[in-house]
Amino acid sequence: MGKPQQIPNDTDFYCPYQIKGHKQDKIIGIGGLDSLHTIQLAMNIIGVELAVTEKKWGGKLVWGGSNGDDLGFPKPHWKD
Protein backbone atom coordinates (compact mmCIF):
# COMPACT_ATOMS: atom_id res chain seq x y z
CA MET A 1 0.00 0.00 0.00
CA GLY A 2 1.43 3.32 -1.02
CA LYS A 3 1.21 6.81 0.39
CA PRO A 4 -2.06 8.65 -0.29
CA GLN A 5 -1.63 11.44 -2.81
CA GLN A 6 -3.81 14.26 -4.00
CA ILE A 7 -5.26 13.79 -7.47
CA PRO A 8 -3.71 16.45 -9.74
CA ASN A 9 -6.00 19.46 -10.25
CA ASP A 10 -8.57 18.06 -7.80
CA THR A 11 -9.42 18.17 -4.10
CA ASP A 12 -9.76 14.37 -3.83
CA PHE A 13 -7.00 11.88 -3.01
CA TYR A 14 -6.02 8.39 -4.13
CA CYS A 15 -4.07 5.59 -2.46
CA PRO A 16 -2.19 3.08 -4.60
CA TYR A 17 -1.98 -0.56 -3.56
CA GLN A 18 -0.62 -3.74 -5.07
CA ILE A 19 -1.26 -7.42 -4.46
CA LYS A 20 1.29 -9.79 -5.98
CA GLY A 21 0.93 -13.51 -6.48
CA HIS A 22 -1.55 -15.94 -8.04
CA LYS A 23 -1.15 -14.19 -11.39
CA GLN A 24 -1.82 -10.78 -9.84
CA ASP A 25 0.72 -8.03 -10.25
CA LYS A 26 -1.13 -4.82 -10.89
CA ILE A 27 -1.06 -1.51 -9.09
CA ILE A 28 -4.50 -0.11 -8.34
CA GLY A 29 -5.43 3.32 -7.02
CA ILE A 30 -8.52 3.83 -4.89
CA GLY A 31 -9.95 7.34 -4.67
CA GLY A 32 -11.50 9.11 -1.71
CA LEU A 33 -12.34 12.46 -0.21
CA ASP A 34 -9.09 12.86 1.72
CA SER A 35 -5.97 10.87 2.57
CA LEU A 36 -7.51 9.07 5.57
CA HIS A 37 -10.58 8.11 3.55
CA THR A 38 -8.41 6.56 0.85
CA ILE A 39 -6.46 4.55 3.44
CA GLN A 40 -9.70 3.20 4.92
CA LEU A 41 -11.04 2.28 1.49
CA ALA A 42 -7.77 0.64 0.42
CA MET A 43 -7.60 -1.44 3.63
CA ASN A 44 -11.16 -2.69 3.10
CA ILE A 45 -10.66 -3.47 -0.57
CA ILE A 46 -7.41 -5.33 0.13
CA GLY A 47 -9.30 -7.41 2.72
CA VAL A 48 -11.95 -8.28 0.13
CA GLU A 49 -9.36 -9.12 -2.53
CA LEU A 50 -7.50 -11.42 -0.13
CA ALA A 51 -10.74 -13.19 0.86
CA VAL A 52 -11.71 -13.63 -2.79
CA THR A 53 -8.25 -15.03 -3.55
CA GLU A 54 -8.64 -17.59 -0.74
CA LYS A 55 -12.04 -18.69 -2.08
CA LYS A 56 -10.91 -18.75 -5.70
CA TRP A 57 -7.79 -20.82 -5.06
CA GLY A 58 -9.25 -22.95 -2.26
CA GLY A 59 -6.46 -22.23 0.16
CA LYS A 60 -5.71 -20.22 3.26
CA LEU A 61 -3.51 -17.15 3.29
CA VAL A 62 -1.34 -16.64 6.36
CA TRP A 63 0.84 -13.75 7.49
CA GLY A 64 4.56 -14.60 7.48
CA GLY A 65 4.21 -18.17 8.67
CA SER A 66 1.80 -17.44 11.52
CA ASN A 67 -0.90 -20.00 12.25
CA GLY A 68 -3.63 -17.41 12.73
CA ASP A 69 -6.02 -16.13 10.11
CA ASP A 70 -5.56 -12.41 10.81
CA LEU A 71 -3.90 -10.81 7.79
CA GLY A 72 -4.20 -7.33 9.27
CA PHE A 73 -6.98 -6.20 6.92
CA PRO A 74 -10.72 -6.00 7.58
CA LYS A 75 -12.56 -9.17 6.59
CA PRO A 76 -15.69 -8.95 4.46
CA HIS A 77 -18.92 -10.00 6.11
CA TRP A 78 -20.68 -12.16 3.56
CA LYS A 79 -22.54 -15.41 3.67
CA ASP A 80 -21.05 -18.47 1.99
PDB file of N, CA and C in Angstrom:
ATOM      1  N   MET A   1       0.853  -1.150   0.000  1.00  0.00           N
ATOM      2  CA  MET A   1       0.000   0.000   0.000  1.00  0.00           C
ATOM      3  C   MET A   1       0.903   1.218   0.000  1.00  0.00           C
ATOM      4  N   GLY A   2       0.607   2.134  -0.907  1.00  0.00           N
ATOM      5  CA  GLY A   2       1.433   3.321  -1.017  1.00  0.00           C
ATOM      6  C   GLY A   2       0.877   4.498  -0.227  1.00  0.00           C
ATOM      7  N   LYS A   3       1.580   5.578  -0.300  1.00  0.00           N
ATOM      8  CA  LYS A   3       1.209   6.806   0.392  1.00  0.00           C
ATOM      9  C   LYS A   3       0.065   7.494  -0.358  1.00  0.00           C
ATOM     10  N   PRO A   4      -0.986   7.905   0.362  1.00  0.00           N
ATOM     11  CA  PRO A   4      -2.062   8.645  -0.294  1.00  0.00           C
ATOM     12  C   PRO A   4      -1.519   9.929  -0.929  1.00  0.00           C
ATOM     13  N   GLN A   5      -2.056  10.252  -2.090  1.00  0.00           N
ATOM     14  CA  GLN A   5      -1.634  11.444  -2.815  1.00  0.00           C
ATOM     15  C   GLN A   5      -2.850  12.174  -3.337  1.00  0.00           C
ATOM     16  N   GLN A   6      -2.716  13.471  -3.454  1.00  0.00           N
ATOM     17  CA  GLN A   6      -3.812  14.256  -4.004  1.00  0.00           C
ATOM     18  C   GLN A   6      -3.868  14.063  -5.515  1.00  0.00           C
ATOM     19  N   ILE A   7      -5.079  13.912  -6.028  1.00  0.00           N
ATOM     20  CA  ILE A   7      -5.264  13.786  -7.467  1.00  0.00           C
ATOM     21  C   ILE A   7      -4.931  15.147  -8.088  1.00  0.00           C
ATOM     22  N   PRO A   8      -4.082  15.176  -9.124  1.00  0.00           N
ATOM     23  CA  PRO A   8      -3.708  16.454  -9.743  1.00  0.00           C
ATOM     24  C   PRO A   8      -4.935  17.262 -10.182  1.00  0.00           C
ATOM     25  N   ASN A   9      -4.918  18.527  -9.881  1.00  0.00           N
ATOM     26  CA  ASN A   9      -5.996  19.458 -10.248  1.00  0.00           C
ATOM     27  C   ASN A   9      -7.348  19.078  -9.651  1.00  0.00           C
ATOM     28  N   ASP A  10      -7.332  18.489  -8.459  1.00  0.00           N
ATOM     29  CA  ASP A  10      -8.569  18.061  -7.802  1.00  0.00           C
ATOM     30  C   ASP A  10      -8.391  18.193  -6.293  1.00  0.00           C
ATOM     31  N   THR A  11      -9.493  18.125  -5.559  1.00  0.00           N
ATOM     32  CA  THR A  11      -9.422  18.170  -4.098  1.00  0.00           C
ATOM     33  C   THR A  11      -9.406  16.758  -3.502  1.00  0.00           C
ATOM     34  N   ASP A  12      -9.724  15.738  -4.307  1.00  0.00           N
ATOM     35  CA  ASP A  12      -9.763  14.366  -3.834  1.00  0.00           C
ATOM     36  C   ASP A  12      -8.367  13.750  -3.813  1.00  0.00           C
ATOM     37  N   PHE A  13      -8.263  12.596  -3.149  1.00  0.00           N
ATOM     38  CA  PHE A  13      -7.005  11.876  -3.012  1.00  0.00           C
ATOM     39  C   PHE A  13      -7.149  10.465  -3.576  1.00  0.00           C
ATOM     40  N   TYR A  14      -6.022   9.795  -3.777  1.00  0.00           N
ATOM     41  CA  TYR A  14      -6.023   8.386  -4.130  1.00  0.00           C
ATOM     42  C   TYR A  14      -4.904   7.695  -3.363  1.00  0.00           C
ATOM     43  N   CYS A  15      -5.071   6.396  -3.160  1.00  0.00           N
ATOM     44  CA  CYS A  15      -4.070   5.592  -2.458  1.00  0.00           C
ATOM     45  C   CYS A  15      -3.763   4.377  -3.328  1.00  0.00           C
ATOM     46  N   PRO A  16      -2.525   4.244  -3.796  1.00  0.00           N
ATOM     47  CA  PRO A  16      -2.188   3.076  -4.604  1.00  0.00           C
ATOM     48  C   PRO A  16      -1.948   1.849  -3.723  1.00  0.00           C
ATOM     49  N   TYR A  17      -2.306   0.688  -4.256  1.00  0.00           N
ATOM     50  CA  TYR A  17      -1.984  -0.560  -3.564  1.00  0.00           C
ATOM     51  C   TYR A  17      -1.701  -1.631  -4.605  1.00  0.00           C
ATOM     52  N   GLN A  18      -0.998  -2.667  -4.174  1.00  0.00           N
ATOM     53  CA  GLN A  18      -0.621  -3.744  -5.075  1.00  0.00           C
ATOM     54  C   GLN A  18      -0.685  -5.063  -4.327  1.00  0.00           C
ATOM     55  N   ILE A  19      -1.254  -6.060  -4.983  1.00  0.00           N
ATOM     56  CA  ILE A  19      -1.259  -7.419  -4.456  1.00  0.00           C
ATOM     57  C   ILE A  19      -0.540  -8.278  -5.492  1.00  0.00           C
ATOM     58  N   LYS A  20       0.507  -8.958  -5.058  1.00  0.00           N
ATOM     59  CA  LYS A  20       1.286  -9.792  -5.976  1.00  0.00           C
ATOM     60  C   LYS A  20       1.071 -11.259  -5.640  1.00  0.00           C
ATOM     61  N   GLY A  21       1.078 -12.076  -6.664  1.00  0.00           N
ATOM     62  CA  GLY A  21       0.927 -13.512  -6.481  1.00  0.00           C
ATOM     63  C   GLY A  21      -0.342 -14.013  -7.121  1.00  0.00           C
ATOM     64  N   HIS A  22      -0.400 -15.316  -7.371  1.00  0.00           N
ATOM     65  CA  HIS A  22      -1.547 -15.937  -8.037  1.00  0.00           C
ATOM     66  C   HIS A  22      -1.952 -15.166  -9.281  1.00  0.00           C
ATOM     67  N   LYS A  23      -0.956 -14.870 -10.109  1.00  0.00           N
ATOM     68  CA  LYS A  23      -1.155 -14.195 -11.392  1.00  0.00           C
ATOM     69  C   LYS A  23      -1.668 -12.766 -11.235  1.00  0.00           C
ATOM     70  N   GLN A  24      -1.465 -12.178 -10.076  1.00  0.00           N
ATOM     71  CA  GLN A  24      -1.821 -10.779  -9.842  1.00  0.00           C
ATOM     72  C   GLN A  24      -0.535  -9.987  -9.692  1.00  0.00           C
ATOM     73  N   ASP A  25      -0.441  -8.893 -10.386  1.00  0.00           N
ATOM     74  CA  ASP A  25       0.724  -8.029 -10.247  1.00  0.00           C
ATOM     75  C   ASP A  25       0.396  -6.648 -10.792  1.00  0.00           C
ATOM     76  N   LYS A  26      -0.737  -6.125 -10.392  1.00  0.00           N
ATOM     77  CA  LYS A  26      -1.135  -4.820 -10.893  1.00  0.00           C
ATOM     78  C   LYS A  26      -1.196  -3.824  -9.745  1.00  0.00           C
ATOM     79  N   ILE A  27      -0.943  -2.584 -10.067  1.00  0.00           N
ATOM     80  CA  ILE A  27      -1.061  -1.509  -9.087  1.00  0.00           C
ATOM     81  C   ILE A  27      -2.408  -0.831  -9.332  1.00  0.00           C
ATOM     82  N   ILE A  28      -3.158  -0.686  -8.265  1.00  0.00           N
ATOM     83  CA  ILE A  28      -4.496  -0.111  -8.344  1.00  0.00           C
ATOM     84  C   ILE A  28      -4.537   1.117  -7.442  1.00  0.00           C
ATOM     85  N   GLY A  29      -5.255   2.138  -7.851  1.00  0.00           N
ATOM     86  CA  GLY A  29      -5.431   3.322  -7.023  1.00  0.00           C
ATOM     87  C   GLY A  29      -6.891   3.478  -6.642  1.00  0.00           C
ATOM     88  N   ILE A  30      -7.153   3.619  -5.369  1.00  0.00           N
ATOM     89  CA  ILE A  30      -8.523   3.834  -4.892  1.00  0.00           C
ATOM     90  C   ILE A  30      -8.680   5.282  -4.495  1.00  0.00           C
ATOM     91  N   GLY A  31      -9.735   5.929  -4.947  1.00  0.00           N
ATOM     92  CA  GLY A  31      -9.950   7.345  -4.675  1.00  0.00           C
ATOM     93  C   GLY A  31     -10.856   7.584  -3.483  1.00  0.00           C
ATOM     94  N   GLY A  32     -10.673   8.726  -2.848  1.00  0.00           N
ATOM     95  CA  GLY A  32     -11.500   9.106  -1.712  1.00  0.00           C
ATOM     96  C   GLY A  32     -11.492  10.601  -1.503  1.00  0.00           C
ATOM     97  N   LEU A  33     -12.188  11.039  -0.470  1.00  0.00           N
ATOM     98  CA  LEU A  33     -12.343  12.462  -0.206  1.00  0.00           C
ATOM     99  C   LEU A  33     -11.087  13.113   0.348  1.00  0.00           C
ATOM    100  N   ASP A  34     -10.332  12.341   1.147  1.00  0.00           N
ATOM    101  CA  ASP A  34      -9.088  12.858   1.715  1.00  0.00           C
ATOM    102  C   ASP A  34      -8.146  11.678   1.934  1.00  0.00           C
ATOM    103  N   SER A  35      -6.959  11.942   2.458  1.00  0.00           N
ATOM    104  CA  SER A  35      -5.965  10.873   2.575  1.00  0.00           C
ATOM    105  C   SER A  35      -6.410   9.757   3.523  1.00  0.00           C
ATOM    106  N   LEU A  36      -7.042  10.100   4.636  1.00  0.00           N
ATOM    107  CA  LEU A  36      -7.509   9.067   5.568  1.00  0.00           C
ATOM    108  C   LEU A  36      -8.603   8.220   4.939  1.00  0.00           C
ATOM    109  N   HIS A  37      -9.498   8.842   4.226  1.00  0.00           N
ATOM    110  CA  HIS A  37     -10.579   8.113   3.553  1.00  0.00           C
ATOM    111  C   HIS A  37     -10.013   7.098   2.558  1.00  0.00           C
ATOM    112  N   THR A  38      -8.990   7.486   1.818  1.00  0.00           N
ATOM    113  CA  THR A  38      -8.406   6.560   0.846  1.00  0.00           C
ATOM    114  C   THR A  38      -7.707   5.388   1.538  1.00  0.00           C
ATOM    115  N   ILE A  39      -7.084   5.639   2.687  1.00  0.00           N
ATOM    116  CA  ILE A  39      -6.455   4.548   3.442  1.00  0.00           C
ATOM    117  C   ILE A  39      -7.517   3.563   3.912  1.00  0.00           C
ATOM    118  N   GLN A  40      -8.617   4.072   4.454  1.00  0.00           N
ATOM    119  CA  GLN A  40      -9.697   3.205   4.922  1.00  0.00           C
ATOM    120  C   GLN A  40     -10.259   2.367   3.778  1.00  0.00           C
ATOM    121  N   LEU A  41     -10.494   3.009   2.640  1.00  0.00           N
ATOM    122  CA  LEU A  41     -11.035   2.280   1.491  1.00  0.00           C
ATOM    123  C   LEU A  41     -10.051   1.224   0.987  1.00  0.00           C
ATOM    124  N   ALA A  42      -8.783   1.585   0.899  1.00  0.00           N
ATOM    125  CA  ALA A  42      -7.770   0.637   0.418  1.00  0.00           C
ATOM    126  C   ALA A  42      -7.674  -0.564   1.358  1.00  0.00           C
ATOM    127  N   MET A  43      -7.672  -0.338   2.666  1.00  0.00           N
ATOM    128  CA  MET A  43      -7.599  -1.436   3.631  1.00  0.00           C
ATOM    129  C   MET A  43      -8.779  -2.394   3.451  1.00  0.00           C
ATOM    130  N   ASN A  44      -9.975  -1.848   3.279  1.00  0.00           N
ATOM    131  CA  ASN A  44     -11.157  -2.690   3.100  1.00  0.00           C
ATOM    132  C   ASN A  44     -11.113  -3.460   1.788  1.00  0.00           C
ATOM    133  N   ILE A  45     -10.707  -2.795   0.722  1.00  0.00           N
ATOM    134  CA  ILE A  45     -10.656  -3.469  -0.573  1.00  0.00           C
ATOM    135  C   ILE A  45      -9.590  -4.562  -0.581  1.00  0.00           C
ATOM    136  N   ILE A  46      -8.456  -4.305   0.041  1.00  0.00           N
ATOM    137  CA  ILE A  46      -7.414  -5.332   0.127  1.00  0.00           C
ATOM    138  C   ILE A  46      -7.950  -6.548   0.885  1.00  0.00           C
ATOM    139  N   GLY A  47      -8.686  -6.308   1.972  1.00  0.00           N
ATOM    140  CA  GLY A  47      -9.296  -7.413   2.716  1.00  0.00           C
ATOM    141  C   GLY A  47     -10.237  -8.241   1.855  1.00  0.00           C
ATOM    142  N   VAL A  48     -11.036  -7.575   1.031  1.00  0.00           N
ATOM    143  CA  VAL A  48     -11.951  -8.282   0.130  1.00  0.00           C
ATOM    144  C   VAL A  48     -11.155  -9.065  -0.914  1.00  0.00           C
ATOM    145  N   GLU A  49     -10.157  -8.436  -1.506  1.00  0.00           N
ATOM    146  CA  GLU A  49      -9.364  -9.122  -2.533  1.00  0.00           C
ATOM    147  C   GLU A  49      -8.658 -10.357  -1.964  1.00  0.00           C
ATOM    148  N   LEU A  50      -8.148 -10.267  -0.749  1.00  0.00           N
ATOM    149  CA  LEU A  50      -7.496 -11.425  -0.130  1.00  0.00           C
ATOM    150  C   LEU A  50      -8.504 -12.541   0.142  1.00  0.00           C
ATOM    151  N   ALA A  51      -9.704 -12.183   0.603  1.00  0.00           N
ATOM    152  CA  ALA A  51     -10.736 -13.187   0.860  1.00  0.00           C
ATOM    153  C   ALA A  51     -11.186 -13.852  -0.438  1.00  0.00           C
ATOM    154  N   VAL A  52     -11.328 -13.068  -1.493  1.00  0.00           N
ATOM    155  CA  VAL A  52     -11.713 -13.627  -2.793  1.00  0.00           C
ATOM    156  C   VAL A  52     -10.620 -14.560  -3.305  1.00  0.00           C
ATOM    157  N   THR A  53      -9.362 -14.179  -3.123  1.00  0.00           N
ATOM    158  CA  THR A  53      -8.247 -15.025  -3.548  1.00  0.00           C
ATOM    159  C   THR A  53      -8.283 -16.366  -2.822  1.00  0.00           C
ATOM    160  N   GLU A  54      -8.545 -16.335  -1.506  1.00  0.00           N
ATOM    161  CA  GLU A  54      -8.644 -17.590  -0.744  1.00  0.00           C
ATOM    162  C   GLU A  54      -9.744 -18.479  -1.312  1.00  0.00           C
ATOM    163  N   LYS A  55     -10.917 -17.903  -1.559  1.00  0.00           N
ATOM    164  CA  LYS A  55     -12.043 -18.685  -2.077  1.00  0.00           C
ATOM    165  C   LYS A  55     -11.745 -19.216  -3.475  1.00  0.00           C
ATOM    166  N   LYS A  56     -11.170 -18.369  -4.310  1.00  0.00           N
ATOM    167  CA  LYS A  56     -10.906 -18.747  -5.700  1.00  0.00           C
ATOM    168  C   LYS A  56      -9.899 -19.896  -5.786  1.00  0.00           C
ATOM    169  N   TRP A  57      -8.855 -19.835  -4.980  1.00  0.00           N
ATOM    170  CA  TRP A  57      -7.786 -20.823  -5.058  1.00  0.00           C
ATOM    171  C   TRP A  57      -7.951 -21.950  -4.046  1.00  0.00           C
ATOM    172  N   GLY A  58      -8.971 -21.866  -3.194  1.00  0.00           N
ATOM    173  CA  GLY A  58      -9.249 -22.952  -2.263  1.00  0.00           C
ATOM    174  C   GLY A  58      -8.183 -23.169  -1.215  1.00  0.00           C
ATOM    175  N   GLY A  59      -7.509 -22.112  -0.841  1.00  0.00           N
ATOM    176  CA  GLY A  59      -6.455 -22.230   0.162  1.00  0.00           C
ATOM    177  C   GLY A  59      -6.678 -21.297   1.324  1.00  0.00           C
ATOM    178  N   LYS A  60      -5.645 -21.126   2.106  1.00  0.00           N
ATOM    179  CA  LYS A  60      -5.709 -20.225   3.256  1.00  0.00           C
ATOM    180  C   LYS A  60      -4.454 -19.374   3.255  1.00  0.00           C
ATOM    181  N   LEU A  61      -4.633 -18.067   3.221  1.00  0.00           N
ATOM    182  CA  LEU A  61      -3.514 -17.152   3.293  1.00  0.00           C
ATOM    183  C   LEU A  61      -3.123 -16.942   4.747  1.00  0.00           C
ATOM    184  N   VAL A  62      -1.830 -16.905   5.011  1.00  0.00           N
ATOM    185  CA  VAL A  62      -1.340 -16.636   6.360  1.00  0.00           C
ATOM    186  C   VAL A  62      -0.291 -15.540   6.298  1.00  0.00           C
ATOM    187  N   TRP A  63      -0.101 -14.864   7.393  1.00  0.00           N
ATOM    188  CA  TRP A  63       0.836 -13.755   7.495  1.00  0.00           C
ATOM    189  C   TRP A  63       2.180 -14.282   7.964  1.00  0.00           C
ATOM    190  N   GLY A  64       3.180 -14.276   7.120  1.00  0.00           N
ATOM    191  CA  GLY A  64       4.557 -14.599   7.484  1.00  0.00           C
ATOM    192  C   GLY A  64       4.741 -15.859   8.293  1.00  0.00           C
ATOM    193  N   GLY A  65       4.020 -16.910   7.976  1.00  0.00           N
ATOM    194  CA  GLY A  65       4.205 -18.174   8.668  1.00  0.00           C
ATOM    195  C   GLY A  65       3.413 -18.312   9.957  1.00  0.00           C
ATOM    196  N   SER A  66       2.603 -17.316  10.304  1.00  0.00           N
ATOM    197  CA  SER A  66       1.798 -17.445  11.524  1.00  0.00           C
ATOM    198  C   SER A  66       0.718 -18.500  11.301  1.00  0.00           C
ATOM    199  N   ASN A  67       0.158 -18.999  12.384  1.00  0.00           N
ATOM    200  CA  ASN A  67      -0.895 -20.001  12.254  1.00  0.00           C
ATOM    201  C   ASN A  67      -2.285 -19.380  12.402  1.00  0.00           C
ATOM    202  N   GLY A  68      -2.346 -18.086  12.609  1.00  0.00           N
ATOM    203  CA  GLY A  68      -3.630 -17.406  12.730  1.00  0.00           C
ATOM    204  C   GLY A  68      -4.182 -17.023  11.376  1.00  0.00           C
ATOM    205  N   ASP A  69      -5.408 -16.527  11.365  1.00  0.00           N
ATOM    206  CA  ASP A  69      -6.016 -16.125  10.106  1.00  0.00           C
ATOM    207  C   ASP A  69      -6.175 -14.606  10.001  1.00  0.00           C
ATOM    208  N   ASP A  70      -5.487 -13.867  10.851  1.00  0.00           N
ATOM    209  CA  ASP A  70      -5.559 -12.408  10.809  1.00  0.00           C
ATOM    210  C   ASP A  70      -4.462 -11.869   9.905  1.00  0.00           C
ATOM    211  N   LEU A  71      -4.854 -11.363   8.741  1.00  0.00           N
ATOM    212  CA  LEU A  71      -3.895 -10.809   7.795  1.00  0.00           C
ATOM    213  C   LEU A  71      -3.691  -9.312   7.997  1.00  0.00           C
ATOM    214  N   GLY A  72      -4.368  -8.745   8.981  1.00  0.00           N
ATOM    215  CA  GLY A  72      -4.204  -7.329   9.268  1.00  0.00           C
ATOM    216  C   GLY A  72      -5.127  -6.414   8.485  1.00  0.00           C
ATOM    217  N   PHE A  73      -6.030  -6.995   7.700  1.00  0.00           N
ATOM    218  CA  PHE A  73      -6.982  -6.204   6.921  1.00  0.00           C
ATOM    219  C   PHE A  73      -8.392  -6.597   7.318  1.00  0.00           C
ATOM    220  N   PRO A  74      -9.346  -5.663   7.233  1.00  0.00           N
ATOM    221  CA  PRO A  74     -10.724  -6.004   7.576  1.00  0.00           C
ATOM    222  C   PRO A  74     -11.232  -7.154   6.707  1.00  0.00           C
ATOM    223  N   LYS A  75     -11.992  -8.047   7.321  1.00  0.00           N
ATOM    224  CA  LYS A  75     -12.559  -9.172   6.591  1.00  0.00           C
ATOM    225  C   LYS A  75     -13.963  -8.815   6.139  1.00  0.00           C
ATOM    226  N   PRO A  76     -14.327  -9.221   4.913  1.00  0.00           N
ATOM    227  CA  PRO A  76     -15.686  -8.953   4.455  1.00  0.00           C
ATOM    228  C   PRO A  76     -16.682  -9.804   5.230  1.00  0.00           C
ATOM    229  N   HIS A  77     -17.858  -9.267   5.404  1.00  0.00           N
ATOM    230  CA  HIS A  77     -18.918  -9.996   6.108  1.00  0.00           C
ATOM    231  C   HIS A  77     -19.950 -10.442   5.071  1.00  0.00           C
ATOM    232  N   TRP A  78     -19.728 -11.614   4.519  1.00  0.00           N
ATOM    233  CA  TRP A  78     -20.675 -12.159   3.557  1.00  0.00           C
ATOM    234  C   TRP A  78     -21.003 -13.578   3.929  1.00  0.00           C
ATOM    235  N   LYS A  79     -22.114 -14.039   3.407  1.00  0.00           N
ATOM    236  CA  LYS A  79     -22.544 -15.413   3.674  1.00  0.00           C
ATOM    237  C   LYS A  79     -22.003 -16.304   2.574  1.00  0.00           C
ATOM    238  N   ASP A  80     -21.564 -17.501   2.975  1.00  0.00           N
ATOM    239  CA  ASP A  80     -21.046 -18.467   1.987  1.00  0.00           C
ATOM    240  C   ASP A  80     -22.160 -19.087   1.198  1.00  0.00           C
TER     241      ASP A  80
END
